[in-house]
Amino acid sequence: MSTVADRPQPSTQAPPATSHGAEATEEQVLAAVAKLRATFAGRRTRQLQWRLDQLAAMEKMLDESEPQIAEALATDLGRPAHDAWLGDIASTRAEATFARKHLRRWMRRRRTGLPLAMRPGKAFYQYEPLGVALVIGAWNYPVYLTLGPVIGAIAAGNCVVLKPSEHAPATSALLARLIPQYLDPDAFAVLEGEAATTQLLLAQGLDHAFFTGGTEIGKRVMESAARHLTPVTLELGGKSPVIVTRDADLEVAARRIAWTKLLNSGQTCIAPDYVLVEEPVRDELVDLITATVHKFRVGEHGGLRVVNERQFDRLAGLLAEPSGTVALGGRSDRATLTVDPTLLIDPDPASPVMTDEIFGPILPVITVGSLTEAITFINARPKPLAAYLFTSSTESKERLVDEVSSGGAVINHLSMHCLVPQLPFGGVGNSGMGAYHGEWGFQTFSHRKAVLSKPARPDLRLMYPPYTERAKKIIRKLF
């Protein structure tokens, strides 16, 4: 967490209005896509050295542009410089470094065995770039969630058109300036704009579309991509639950729940969305989370800034009729677009705060009688992007992993799996499809081509018609 000094304090006035970048015209979209396709056809992006150079340039861009990135994130999200480094810069740079160090191994051909009927011969598969990929970024981590997929696309040898989120206009404009300065301008294009730009890009029938955002918009992206049979990766969201059992280390659980919930004002797709806690330890956990929030925010006044009026109004609406006991916070201020860190105890499971993804600093706490009850509660709802469990029981850990379907799972922590490039990151069901990070991003943006190579001789006559009865018997045994 950042220090008080490096955290922006809420103003008594509304944040200044921000203007979106210029909407890309149809001519700009067509020209950019044509240029990228011509570059890809020239085959230079397939070369290992080109890919390594672009990844190194990405690292350099993040190092040299940290002050500008932090300033843009402060403008768009009110995010402190330290949190900007942790959430957007360091995480993105680590992905680029990991890919650069392991790319040569990822690219190599993989030999396989052959069944008896296919011998003599040799078989292998290799990874080939798809072509021109579209990356549609998100506003909540507008650098990490835009450039992270781009790193996978670079590693795989693709050209990329980026469409940053219009809801983070300062960061969008910055990316539009920085990308051509550091990366190959013939292989990368940044096109700013709103939904119309996204739809126009999808209408070009690109070779892959990668979208990070909400489930409803993800459905529209998939629908538009389907018209051109463009494959999609959808990184969506959902209500990621936390289970706290009676044998958990409650101090650690409270600290880690509070920390990850406060990051980016709760505007994180894998933030804890609600807590299911066993009844004997519920009150103690609530008290510990409350004390931890006060400790983390000592010296600060007011609530946490959210991105815009639309998101503020949605969150304020959840607090207007909370349908549960407010144990902490509960206030909001439209003048500053801030919402207090809020704990709601036992809200109605059918209320909006328990049916809609919160994406803000509001945390419902639901009392359960057992781990079994908690698992049943989760499985009765759409599959989440992540599931979390605090426990000291090995059996309980195995039950969460085996019995709860979620994009990922973390034991005794939250959200940290997205910072492990050796692990795939992605959703399941309504929380998304496909995965990326590390080698998984390389594979997402690659085609795995199967190759079988046979000698001209021997060329057994019995394989061809007309077949004798003896030939048929032999063929049946071979195949």
Protein backbone atom coordinates (compact mmCIF):
# COMPACT_ATOMS: atom_id res chain seq x y z
CA MET A 1 0.00 0.00 0.00
CA SER A 2 1.09 3.57 -0.54
CA THR A 3 1.92 6.04 2.18
CA VAL A 4 -0.49 8.80 3.15
CA ALA A 5 1.77 11.37 1.51
CA ASP A 6 1.66 9.73 -1.89
CA ARG A 7 -2.13 9.20 -1.82
CA PRO A 8 -4.24 11.93 -3.43
CA GLN A 9 -6.71 13.39 -0.96
CA PRO A 10 -10.35 13.74 -2.02
CA SER A 11 -11.25 17.20 -3.21
CA THR A 12 -14.36 19.06 -2.16
CA GLN A 13 -15.11 19.60 -5.83
CA ALA A 14 -15.91 17.14 -8.58
CA PRO A 15 -12.93 15.82 -10.56
CA PRO A 16 -12.30 17.81 -13.74
CA ALA A 17 -14.15 16.57 -16.79
CA THR A 18 -11.97 14.56 -19.12
CA SER A 19 -12.45 14.47 -22.87
CA HIS A 20 -12.17 11.28 -24.85
CA GLY A 21 -9.54 10.98 -27.54
CA ALA A 22 -10.62 11.64 -31.09
CA GLU A 23 -12.83 8.89 -32.47
CA ALA A 24 -10.97 6.98 -35.18
CA THR A 25 -12.54 7.43 -38.57
CA GLU A 26 -13.41 4.57 -40.89
CA GLU A 27 -10.58 5.67 -43.20
CA GLN A 28 -8.09 5.53 -40.31
CA VAL A 29 -9.27 2.07 -39.30
CA LEU A 30 -9.06 0.71 -42.84
CA ALA A 31 -5.63 2.27 -43.41
CA ALA A 32 -4.23 0.97 -40.11
CA VAL A 33 -5.48 -2.58 -40.67
CA ALA A 34 -4.19 -2.61 -44.25
CA LYS A 35 -0.76 -1.45 -43.07
CA LEU A 36 -0.58 -4.11 -40.36
CA ARG A 37 -1.64 -6.84 -42.79
CA ALA A 38 1.06 -5.75 -45.24
CA THR A 39 3.66 -5.84 -42.48
CA PHE A 40 2.60 -9.31 -41.39
CA ALA A 41 2.70 -10.55 -44.98
CA GLY A 42 6.31 -9.33 -45.15
CA ARG A 43 7.11 -12.00 -42.47
CA ARG A 44 9.48 -9.94 -40.33
CA THR A 45 7.31 -10.35 -37.23
CA ARG A 46 7.92 -14.10 -37.41
CA GLN A 47 11.61 -13.70 -36.65
CA LEU A 48 12.81 -14.43 -33.12
CA GLN A 49 15.01 -11.32 -33.00
CA TRP A 50 12.16 -9.01 -33.99
CA ARG A 51 10.03 -10.39 -31.19
CA LEU A 52 12.84 -10.06 -28.65
CA ASP A 53 13.49 -6.47 -29.76
CA GLN A 54 9.83 -5.50 -29.33
CA LEU A 55 9.65 -7.06 -25.86
CA ALA A 56 12.84 -5.24 -24.83
CA ALA A 57 11.37 -2.01 -26.22
CA MET A 58 8.24 -2.58 -24.13
CA GLU A 59 10.37 -2.88 -21.00
CA LYS A 60 12.25 0.29 -21.92
CA MET A 61 9.01 2.17 -22.52
CA LEU A 62 7.67 1.23 -19.09
CA ASP A 63 10.93 2.19 -17.39
CA GLU A 64 11.35 5.53 -19.11
CA SER A 65 7.70 6.54 -19.08
CA GLU A 66 6.82 5.70 -15.48
CA PRO A 67 6.21 9.35 -14.48
CA GLN A 68 3.88 9.98 -17.45
CA ILE A 69 2.01 6.73 -16.84
CA ALA A 70 1.56 7.53 -13.14
CA GLU A 71 0.30 11.01 -14.01
CA ALA A 72 -2.21 9.63 -16.53
CA LEU A 73 -3.48 7.06 -14.04
CA ALA A 74 -3.86 9.74 -11.39
CA THR A 75 -5.91 11.80 -13.84
CA ASP A 76 -8.13 8.92 -14.93
CA LEU A 77 -8.51 7.04 -11.66
CA GLY A 78 -7.11 9.17 -8.84
CA ARG A 79 -4.53 6.45 -8.31
CA PRO A 80 -1.41 7.14 -6.19
CA ALA A 81 1.98 6.84 -7.89
CA HIS A 82 2.99 3.76 -5.87
CA ASP A 83 -0.24 1.95 -6.70
CA ALA A 84 0.20 2.90 -10.38
CA TRP A 85 3.64 1.30 -10.31
CA LEU A 86 2.42 -1.83 -8.54
CA GLY A 87 -0.81 -2.39 -10.46
CA ASP A 88 0.10 -1.30 -13.98
CA ILE A 89 3.81 -0.74 -14.51
CA ALA A 90 5.68 -3.41 -12.52
CA SER A 91 3.18 -6.13 -13.42
CA THR A 92 3.35 -5.34 -17.14
CA ARG A 93 7.11 -5.10 -17.14
CA ALA A 94 7.42 -8.45 -15.38
CA GLU A 95 5.29 -10.06 -18.11
CA ALA A 96 7.47 -8.59 -20.85
CA THR A 97 10.69 -9.69 -19.13
CA PHE A 98 9.40 -13.21 -18.54
CA ALA A 99 8.33 -13.56 -22.16
CA ARG A 100 11.65 -12.28 -23.47
CA LYS A 101 13.63 -14.72 -21.33
CA HIS A 102 11.56 -17.77 -22.29
CA LEU A 103 10.53 -17.03 -25.86
CA ARG A 104 13.18 -19.12 -27.58
CA ARG A 105 11.97 -22.24 -25.77
CA TRP A 106 8.31 -21.47 -26.46
CA MET A 107 8.96 -21.15 -30.19
CA ARG A 108 10.76 -24.43 -30.74
CA ARG A 109 9.20 -27.29 -32.68
CA ARG A 110 7.86 -30.14 -30.59
CA ARG A 111 8.47 -33.67 -31.88
CA THR A 112 5.88 -36.37 -31.23
CA GLY A 113 5.72 -40.13 -31.65
CA LEU A 114 3.89 -41.98 -34.43
CA PRO A 115 1.50 -44.94 -34.36
CA LEU A 116 2.65 -48.06 -36.19
CA ALA A 117 0.39 -47.37 -39.18
CA MET A 118 2.11 -44.03 -39.85
CA ARG A 119 5.68 -45.34 -39.80
CA PRO A 120 8.16 -44.60 -41.25
CA GLY A 121 7.92 -40.85 -40.90
CA LYS A 122 8.20 -38.05 -38.40
CA ALA A 123 5.66 -35.81 -36.74
CA PHE A 124 5.93 -32.47 -35.00
CA TYR A 125 3.93 -29.36 -34.28
CA GLN A 126 5.00 -25.76 -34.31
CA TYR A 127 3.50 -22.46 -33.20
CA GLU A 128 2.72 -19.92 -35.88
CA PRO A 129 1.45 -16.34 -35.48
CA LEU A 130 -2.20 -15.74 -36.31
CA GLY A 131 -1.77 -12.46 -38.17
CA VAL A 132 -3.29 -9.16 -37.05
CA ALA A 133 -4.73 -9.27 -33.54
CA LEU A 134 -7.10 -6.79 -31.89
CA VAL A 135 -6.63 -5.99 -28.19
CA ILE A 136 -9.51 -4.11 -26.54
CA GLY A 137 -8.29 -2.70 -23.24
CA ALA A 138 -10.05 -2.04 -19.94
CA TRP A 139 -10.22 1.18 -17.90
CA ASN A 140 -9.53 -0.14 -14.41
CA TYR A 141 -5.90 -1.12 -15.09
CA PRO A 142 -5.58 0.59 -18.47
CA VAL A 143 -1.88 -0.15 -18.97
CA TYR A 144 -1.62 -3.68 -17.59
CA LEU A 145 -4.88 -4.94 -19.10
CA THR A 146 -4.03 -3.43 -22.50
CA LEU A 147 -0.32 -4.16 -22.79
CA GLY A 148 -0.43 -7.55 -21.02
CA PRO A 149 -2.27 -9.21 -23.91
CA VAL A 150 -0.09 -7.29 -26.38
CA ILE A 151 2.97 -8.96 -24.85
CA GLY A 152 1.48 -12.38 -25.66
CA ALA A 153 0.72 -11.23 -29.20
CA ILE A 154 4.28 -9.94 -29.66
CA ALA A 155 5.78 -13.16 -28.35
CA ALA A 156 3.67 -15.10 -30.85
CA GLY A 157 4.85 -12.89 -33.74
CA ASN A 158 1.68 -10.97 -34.55
CA CYS A 159 0.88 -7.44 -35.58
CA VAL A 160 -1.49 -5.71 -33.17
CA VAL A 161 -4.10 -3.00 -33.24
CA LEU A 162 -4.83 -1.63 -29.76
CA LYS A 163 -8.12 -0.03 -28.77
CA PRO A 164 -7.59 1.44 -25.28
CA SER A 165 -10.58 2.13 -23.07
CA GLU A 166 -12.28 5.47 -23.68
CA HIS A 167 -13.11 5.58 -19.96
CA ALA A 168 -9.41 6.18 -19.17
CA PRO A 169 -8.81 8.95 -21.74
CA ALA A 170 -5.52 10.28 -20.38
CA THR A 171 -3.97 6.81 -20.41
CA SER A 172 -5.46 6.09 -23.83
CA ALA A 173 -3.91 9.24 -25.26
CA LEU A 174 -0.58 8.42 -23.63
CA LEU A 175 -0.50 4.93 -25.13
CA ALA A 176 -1.32 6.42 -28.53
CA ARG A 177 1.78 8.60 -28.19
CA LEU A 178 4.16 6.06 -26.65
CA ILE A 179 3.52 2.93 -28.70
CA PRO A 180 4.74 4.36 -32.04
CA GLN A 181 7.79 5.82 -30.30
CA TYR A 182 8.98 2.54 -28.81
CA LEU A 183 7.46 -0.31 -30.83
CA ASP A 184 7.65 -1.03 -34.56
CA PRO A 185 5.20 1.55 -36.03
CA ASP A 186 4.54 -0.70 -39.03
CA ALA A 187 3.41 -3.57 -36.79
CA PHE A 188 1.40 -1.77 -34.08
CA ALA A 189 -1.41 0.75 -34.25
CA VAL A 190 -3.35 2.47 -31.47
CA LEU A 191 -6.84 3.57 -32.43
CA GLU A 192 -8.77 5.60 -29.87
CA GLY A 193 -12.53 5.81 -29.68
CA GLU A 194 -15.68 4.42 -28.18
CA ALA A 195 -17.91 1.45 -28.97
CA ALA A 196 -18.28 2.42 -32.63
CA THR A 197 -14.51 2.13 -33.14
CA THR A 198 -14.49 -1.30 -31.53
CA GLN A 199 -17.33 -2.48 -33.76
CA LEU A 200 -15.62 -1.09 -36.86
CA LEU A 201 -12.42 -2.94 -35.98
CA LEU A 202 -14.28 -6.18 -35.36
CA ALA A 203 -15.93 -5.80 -38.76
CA GLN A 204 -12.51 -6.07 -40.42
CA GLY A 205 -12.37 -9.80 -39.77
CA LEU A 206 -9.09 -9.71 -37.86
CA ASP A 207 -7.28 -12.89 -36.85
CA HIS A 208 -7.97 -12.72 -33.12
CA ALA A 209 -9.87 -10.43 -30.75
CA PHE A 210 -8.86 -10.10 -27.10
CA PHE A 211 -11.31 -8.27 -24.85
CA THR A 212 -11.09 -7.37 -21.17
CA GLY A 213 -14.19 -5.96 -19.54
CA GLY A 214 -17.70 -6.71 -18.38
CA THR A 215 -19.73 -9.78 -19.25
CA GLU A 216 -22.47 -7.94 -21.16
CA ILE A 217 -20.03 -6.07 -23.40
CA GLY A 218 -18.09 -9.31 -23.83
CA LYS A 219 -21.20 -10.91 -25.29
CA ARG A 220 -21.45 -8.09 -27.85
CA VAL A 221 -17.79 -8.47 -28.79
CA MET A 222 -18.24 -12.20 -29.28
CA GLU A 223 -21.39 -11.67 -31.33
CA SER A 224 -19.64 -9.22 -33.67
CA ALA A 225 -16.54 -11.42 -33.95
CA ALA A 226 -18.67 -14.45 -34.78
CA ARG A 227 -19.87 -12.81 -38.01
CA HIS A 228 -16.31 -13.16 -39.32
CA LEU A 229 -15.35 -16.33 -37.41
CA THR A 230 -12.78 -14.28 -35.54
CA PRO A 231 -11.62 -16.27 -32.51
CA VAL A 232 -11.96 -14.43 -29.21
CA THR A 233 -10.43 -14.40 -25.77
CA LEU A 234 -12.76 -12.86 -23.21
CA GLU A 235 -11.37 -11.78 -19.86
CA LEU A 236 -14.50 -10.83 -17.95
CA GLY A 237 -15.39 -10.62 -14.27
CA GLY A 238 -17.97 -11.95 -11.90
CA LYS A 239 -18.46 -12.11 -8.18
CA SER A 240 -15.27 -13.64 -6.81
CA PRO A 241 -16.05 -15.12 -3.37
CA VAL A 242 -13.87 -15.48 -0.29
CA ILE A 243 -14.49 -18.31 2.17
CA VAL A 244 -13.10 -17.93 5.70
CA THR A 245 -13.32 -21.05 7.85
CA ARG A 246 -13.25 -21.14 11.64
CA ASP A 247 -9.70 -22.53 11.64
CA ALA A 248 -8.25 -19.72 9.49
CA ASP A 249 -5.67 -17.21 10.67
CA LEU A 250 -8.15 -14.37 11.00
CA GLU A 251 -5.61 -11.55 11.35
CA VAL A 252 -3.92 -12.51 8.09
CA ALA A 253 -7.27 -13.05 6.37
CA ALA A 254 -8.54 -9.63 7.43
CA ARG A 255 -5.33 -7.89 6.36
CA ARG A 256 -5.24 -9.52 2.93
CA ILE A 257 -8.96 -9.10 2.28
CA ALA A 258 -8.82 -5.41 3.19
CA TRP A 259 -5.68 -4.76 1.15
CA THR A 260 -6.92 -6.33 -2.07
CA LYS A 261 -10.40 -4.82 -1.69
CA LEU A 262 -9.02 -1.29 -1.25
CA LEU A 263 -6.65 -1.53 -4.24
CA ASN A 264 -7.89 0.72 -7.04
CA SER A 265 -11.01 1.49 -4.94
CA GLY A 266 -12.19 -2.09 -5.39
CA GLN A 267 -12.26 -1.65 -9.18
CA THR A 268 -10.43 -4.91 -9.86
CA CYS A 269 -11.92 -7.87 -11.70
CA ILE A 270 -10.42 -10.34 -9.22
CA ALA A 271 -11.08 -8.28 -6.09
CA PRO A 272 -12.97 -10.09 -3.32
CA ASP A 273 -16.63 -9.45 -4.14
CA TYR A 274 -18.16 -11.02 -1.03
CA VAL A 275 -17.06 -13.04 2.00
CA LEU A 276 -18.63 -16.27 3.27
CA VAL A 277 -17.48 -16.75 6.86
CA GLU A 278 -18.34 -19.49 9.33
CA GLU A 279 -20.61 -18.21 12.08
CA PRO A 280 -18.33 -18.77 15.12
CA VAL A 281 -15.70 -16.36 13.77
CA ARG A 282 -17.85 -13.88 11.85
CA ASP A 283 -17.90 -11.06 14.39
CA GLU A 284 -14.18 -11.31 15.03
CA LEU A 285 -13.40 -11.23 11.30
CA VAL A 286 -15.64 -8.18 10.78
CA ASP A 287 -13.96 -6.38 13.67
CA LEU A 288 -10.51 -7.21 12.29
CA ILE A 289 -11.34 -6.05 8.76
CA THR A 290 -12.78 -2.81 10.17
CA ALA A 291 -9.69 -2.16 12.28
CA THR A 292 -7.42 -2.98 9.34
CA VAL A 293 -9.20 -0.57 6.99
CA HIS A 294 -8.83 2.21 9.60
CA LYS A 295 -5.14 1.35 9.99
CA PHE A 296 -4.48 1.33 6.24
CA ARG A 297 -6.22 4.70 5.81
CA VAL A 298 -4.89 6.50 8.86
CA GLY A 299 -4.74 10.23 8.21
CA GLU A 300 -6.99 10.04 5.15
CA HIS A 301 -10.39 11.65 4.94
CA GLY A 302 -13.40 10.86 2.80
CA GLY A 303 -14.00 7.88 0.61
CA LEU A 304 -12.22 6.26 -2.28
CA ARG A 305 -12.40 7.80 -5.74
CA VAL A 306 -14.20 5.82 -8.47
CA VAL A 307 -13.70 6.28 -12.18
CA ASN A 308 -16.74 8.28 -13.31
CA GLU A 309 -20.28 9.40 -12.53
CA ARG A 310 -21.87 6.32 -14.07
CA GLN A 311 -19.92 3.98 -11.79
CA PHE A 312 -20.50 6.27 -8.80
CA ASP A 313 -24.26 6.32 -9.33
CA ARG A 314 -24.32 2.53 -9.60
CA LEU A 315 -22.39 2.08 -6.34
CA ALA A 316 -24.37 4.76 -4.54
CA GLY A 317 -27.53 2.94 -5.59
CA LEU A 318 -26.26 -0.23 -3.92
CA LEU A 319 -25.73 1.71 -0.70
CA ALA A 320 -29.11 3.46 -0.86
CA GLU A 321 -30.89 0.20 -0.01
CA PRO A 322 -28.18 -2.07 1.37
CA SER A 323 -30.55 -4.83 2.63
CA GLY A 324 -28.03 -5.68 5.33
CA THR A 325 -26.37 -4.21 8.41
CA VAL A 326 -23.74 -1.55 7.67
CA ALA A 327 -20.77 -2.35 9.91
CA LEU A 328 -18.37 0.12 8.28
CA GLY A 329 -18.74 3.09 5.94
CA GLY A 330 -21.90 3.30 3.89
CA ARG A 331 -21.47 6.90 2.72
CA SER A 332 -20.80 8.36 -0.72
CA ASP A 333 -20.11 11.85 -2.09
CA ARG A 334 -21.04 12.64 -5.68
CA ALA A 335 -19.14 15.94 -5.61
CA THR A 336 -15.85 14.05 -5.33
CA LEU A 337 -17.01 10.74 -6.86
CA THR A 338 -15.94 8.95 -3.68
CA VAL A 339 -17.41 5.96 -1.87
CA ASP A 340 -16.50 4.91 1.66
CA PRO A 341 -14.98 1.46 2.22
CA THR A 342 -18.12 -0.36 3.33
CA LEU A 343 -18.89 -3.64 5.06
CA LEU A 344 -22.43 -5.01 4.72
CA ILE A 345 -23.38 -7.86 7.03
CA ASP A 346 -25.79 -10.52 5.77
CA PRO A 347 -27.52 -8.66 2.92
CA ASP A 348 -30.38 -10.41 1.13
CA PRO A 349 -28.80 -12.95 -1.29
CA ALA A 350 -31.33 -11.81 -3.92
CA SER A 351 -30.45 -8.10 -3.59
CA PRO A 352 -28.41 -6.31 -6.30
CA VAL A 353 -25.32 -6.15 -4.08
CA MET A 354 -25.30 -9.97 -4.13
CA THR A 355 -26.39 -10.56 -7.73
CA ASP A 356 -24.36 -7.90 -9.58
CA GLU A 357 -20.59 -7.57 -9.68
CA ILE A 358 -19.81 -4.75 -7.25
CA PHE A 359 -16.56 -3.36 -8.73
CA GLY A 360 -16.12 -0.87 -5.93
CA PRO A 361 -15.17 -0.59 -2.23
CA ILE A 362 -18.27 -2.37 -0.90
CA LEU A 363 -17.84 -5.81 0.70
CA PRO A 364 -20.80 -7.98 1.76
CA VAL A 365 -20.14 -10.51 4.52
CA ILE A 366 -22.45 -13.54 4.60
CA THR A 367 -22.68 -15.86 7.60
CA VAL A 368 -22.57 -19.60 6.83
CA GLY A 369 -22.70 -22.67 9.01
CA SER A 370 -20.01 -24.70 7.27
CA LEU A 371 -17.65 -25.00 4.33
CA THR A 372 -20.20 -27.22 2.61
CA GLU A 373 -22.82 -24.48 2.87
CA ALA A 374 -20.37 -21.93 1.46
CA ILE A 375 -19.49 -24.16 -1.51
CA THR A 376 -23.17 -24.79 -2.21
CA PHE A 377 -23.83 -21.03 -2.12
CA ILE A 378 -21.08 -20.35 -4.67
CA ASN A 379 -22.01 -23.19 -7.01
CA ALA A 380 -25.62 -21.99 -7.19
CA ARG A 381 -24.38 -18.81 -8.93
CA PRO A 382 -22.52 -18.02 -12.16
CA LYS A 383 -18.91 -19.25 -12.20
CA PRO A 384 -16.56 -16.58 -10.81
CA LEU A 385 -13.23 -15.41 -12.19
CA ALA A 386 -11.52 -16.38 -8.93
CA ALA A 387 -12.35 -18.18 -5.69
CA TYR A 388 -10.48 -17.62 -2.44
CA LEU A 389 -10.21 -19.63 0.76
CA PHE A 390 -8.61 -18.90 4.13
CA THR A 391 -8.11 -22.07 6.14
CA SER A 392 -5.48 -24.20 7.88
CA SER A 393 -7.10 -27.45 6.75
CA THR A 394 -5.58 -29.42 3.88
CA GLU A 395 -8.91 -31.12 3.31
CA SER A 396 -10.67 -27.77 2.99
CA LYS A 397 -8.09 -26.57 0.48
CA GLU A 398 -8.63 -29.63 -1.69
CA ARG A 399 -12.40 -29.22 -1.48
CA LEU A 400 -12.28 -25.64 -2.78
CA VAL A 401 -10.03 -26.61 -5.68
CA ASP A 402 -12.02 -29.71 -6.61
CA GLU A 403 -15.61 -28.64 -5.90
CA VAL A 404 -15.78 -24.97 -6.97
CA SER A 405 -15.59 -24.13 -10.69
CA SER A 406 -13.78 -20.81 -11.10
CA GLY A 407 -11.26 -19.24 -13.41
CA GLY A 408 -8.57 -19.53 -10.74
CA ALA A 409 -8.22 -20.28 -7.03
CA VAL A 410 -5.99 -18.88 -4.31
CA ILE A 411 -5.51 -20.35 -0.85
CA ASN A 412 -4.79 -18.01 2.08
CA HIS A 413 -4.39 -14.97 -0.16
CA LEU A 414 -6.30 -13.11 -2.86
CA SER A 415 -5.64 -11.97 -6.44
CA MET A 416 -1.94 -12.81 -6.45
CA HIS A 417 -2.29 -15.61 -8.99
CA CYS A 418 -2.54 -13.01 -11.75
CA LEU A 419 1.07 -12.00 -11.02
CA VAL A 420 2.43 -15.51 -11.61
CA PRO A 421 3.39 -15.76 -15.32
CA GLN A 422 3.82 -19.52 -14.99
CA LEU A 423 0.07 -19.84 -14.37
CA PRO A 424 -2.71 -19.37 -16.94
CA PHE A 425 -5.05 -16.50 -16.16
CA GLY A 426 -8.61 -16.62 -17.44
CA GLY A 427 -12.24 -17.22 -16.64
CA VAL A 428 -14.83 -19.91 -17.12
CA GLY A 429 -18.49 -19.60 -18.06
CA ASN A 430 -19.71 -16.03 -17.53
CA SER A 431 -16.30 -14.97 -16.21
CA GLY A 432 -14.64 -15.50 -19.57
CA MET A 433 -13.03 -17.87 -22.04
CA GLY A 434 -9.42 -18.48 -22.94
CA ALA A 435 -6.33 -17.60 -20.93
CA TYR A 436 -3.09 -15.65 -21.10
CA HIS A 437 0.04 -14.61 -19.16
CA GLY A 438 3.43 -16.17 -19.81
CA GLU A 439 3.44 -19.08 -22.25
CA TRP A 440 -0.36 -19.17 -22.11
CA GLY A 441 -0.48 -15.75 -23.78
CA PHE A 442 1.98 -16.92 -26.43
CA GLN A 443 -0.23 -19.92 -27.15
CA THR A 444 -3.43 -17.85 -27.21
CA PHE A 445 -2.08 -15.74 -30.06
CA SER A 446 -0.56 -18.69 -31.93
CA HIS A 447 -1.81 -21.43 -34.21
CA ARG A 448 -0.49 -24.87 -33.25
CA LYS A 449 0.20 -26.43 -36.65
CA ALA A 450 0.48 -30.22 -36.93
CA VAL A 451 3.03 -31.54 -39.45
CA LEU A 452 3.50 -35.13 -40.65
CA SER A 453 6.42 -35.91 -42.95
CA LYS A 454 6.51 -39.25 -44.78
CA PRO A 455 9.14 -40.71 -47.16
CA ALA A 456 8.03 -41.58 -50.69
CA ARG A 457 9.15 -45.17 -50.14
CA PRO A 458 8.13 -47.72 -49.00
CA ASP A 459 4.68 -47.37 -50.58
CA LEU A 460 2.75 -50.51 -49.72
CA ARG A 461 0.42 -51.65 -52.48
CA LEU A 462 -2.05 -53.19 -50.03
CA MET A 463 -3.07 -49.68 -48.89
CA TYR A 464 -4.79 -48.93 -52.19
CA PRO A 465 -7.93 -50.39 -53.83
CA PRO A 466 -9.04 -52.75 -55.02
CA TYR A 467 -8.60 -54.51 -51.68
CA THR A 468 -8.13 -58.24 -51.26
CA GLU A 469 -9.55 -59.93 -48.20
CA ARG A 470 -6.01 -60.42 -46.93
CA ALA A 471 -5.24 -56.69 -47.41
CA LYS A 472 -8.40 -55.75 -45.49
CA LYS A 473 -7.35 -57.91 -42.55
CA ILE A 474 -3.89 -56.38 -42.47
CA ILE A 475 -5.25 -52.82 -42.67
CA ARG A 476 -7.64 -53.53 -39.79
CA LYS A 477 -4.73 -54.64 -37.64
CA LEU A 478 -2.59 -51.66 -38.62
CA PHE A 479 -5.25 -49.04 -37.92
